[in-house]
Structures are given as C-alpha cells and as structure tokens.
Amino acid sequence: AAGAPPAAAPVAAAGGFLGAFDDLVAQHVRPLVALSKEIGEDVATMGGFLEGVFTAQREFLAKAGGCAKPGGDQLQAMLQPMAAFMNQASDFNNKGQRGKWANHAASFAEGMQAIAWVSVEPTPAPFIGDALEGMDMYNNRILTSFKTDAPRQCDWARKWKALLQELQRYVKAHHTTGVAWKAGG
C-alpha cells in the first residue's frame, strides 16, 4: 500500500528470529545445561544432548533464514543432526528405565520430541504443547520424589519445563505456520 514502510530485508528477518533463538538459548538452555552438569551422572549426559540439539537447531534455523525450503532428501539431511540427538535421548531413556534417573530420562525423552517442531506445518506450537503434556507426568514424579531432600532435582524439572514453554512462545512469535524459510530462496 502507498505510504507503507518497506518490507524488512530477509536477512533482518533471519537475524530477528535467530537473535530471539539465541536469547532463548542464553536464558534457558545454558542454565539448564549448567544445572545438569552440576547434578552429574545421567543428568549431565542429558545436558550434553540438550546442548547439542539446540546447537543443531540454531544451525538449521540459520540455514533456513538464508534459503528457500528444500525438498525431500535435502530437507531430511538438514534435519538429521537434530534427529540424531532426539534418537540418542530416546535410546538413553530406554536404557535407563529402571535406574535412579528414570523419571529424568523419561521427562527428557518426551520433551525432546518438541525439537521436531521444525518439521511441523502449519501449526508447530501446539506440537510443542503435546511434548509438554507428555513430559508432565515424569516431571511431577521428580517434583514429588525430590521436593524435600534434593531441591536441585526439582529445579531441573522446572527449568526443563520452562525451557520448552519458552520454545513454544518463541515458535508462536517467529514461526507461526512453520519454519520461516527465506522468501524467494
């Protein structure tokens, strides 16, 4: 329309959603990774998966901001690094079902499904909501089991849920109908 401000350049748009993603990582991922390392044992391993998957997701989003959505095999290749971390989390959960950290591993594996939002169209944010619902039972078990004798475990459960809630808000704000690929490639 006449008099309307010019559309933002695609690079600026990419910087906008990448900047917001970097903020999410700084405010939610890094503190959870640090807490996971403090707790140690299996939880530290989960923290490593978390750090890896968010690094892979940032790389994916940076590529998306610079190209049109690829098809088939090329898209699958771009998704593979995230899928590898999600598979590791699932395998880790299956291995640890009877261990001391079973609820942590189950909560983590359920929540990690949210990372697949990048492959969901046209409404990725509700997909993250489904992952949040899936992890809630395990998070509640952590909160109940550790509330008096291990408050860091409760902090971990709360931070994990808060991270995914913030990821959902991020997706609603920046990728409402799916990943914001560069218009026109």
Foldseek 3Di string as FASTA:
>chain_A
DPPDDDDDALVVLLCVLLVLLVVLCVVFLVVLQVLQVVVDDVSNVLNVLSVQLSVLLSVLSNQQSVAPDDDDPVNCVSCVSNVVSLVVLVVSQVVCCPHPCNLVSQLSSLQSQLSCLQVDFQASLVVNVRSLVRSVVSLVVQCVVPVPPNVSSNVSSVSSSVSSVSVSVSCVVRVGGHRNGHPPD
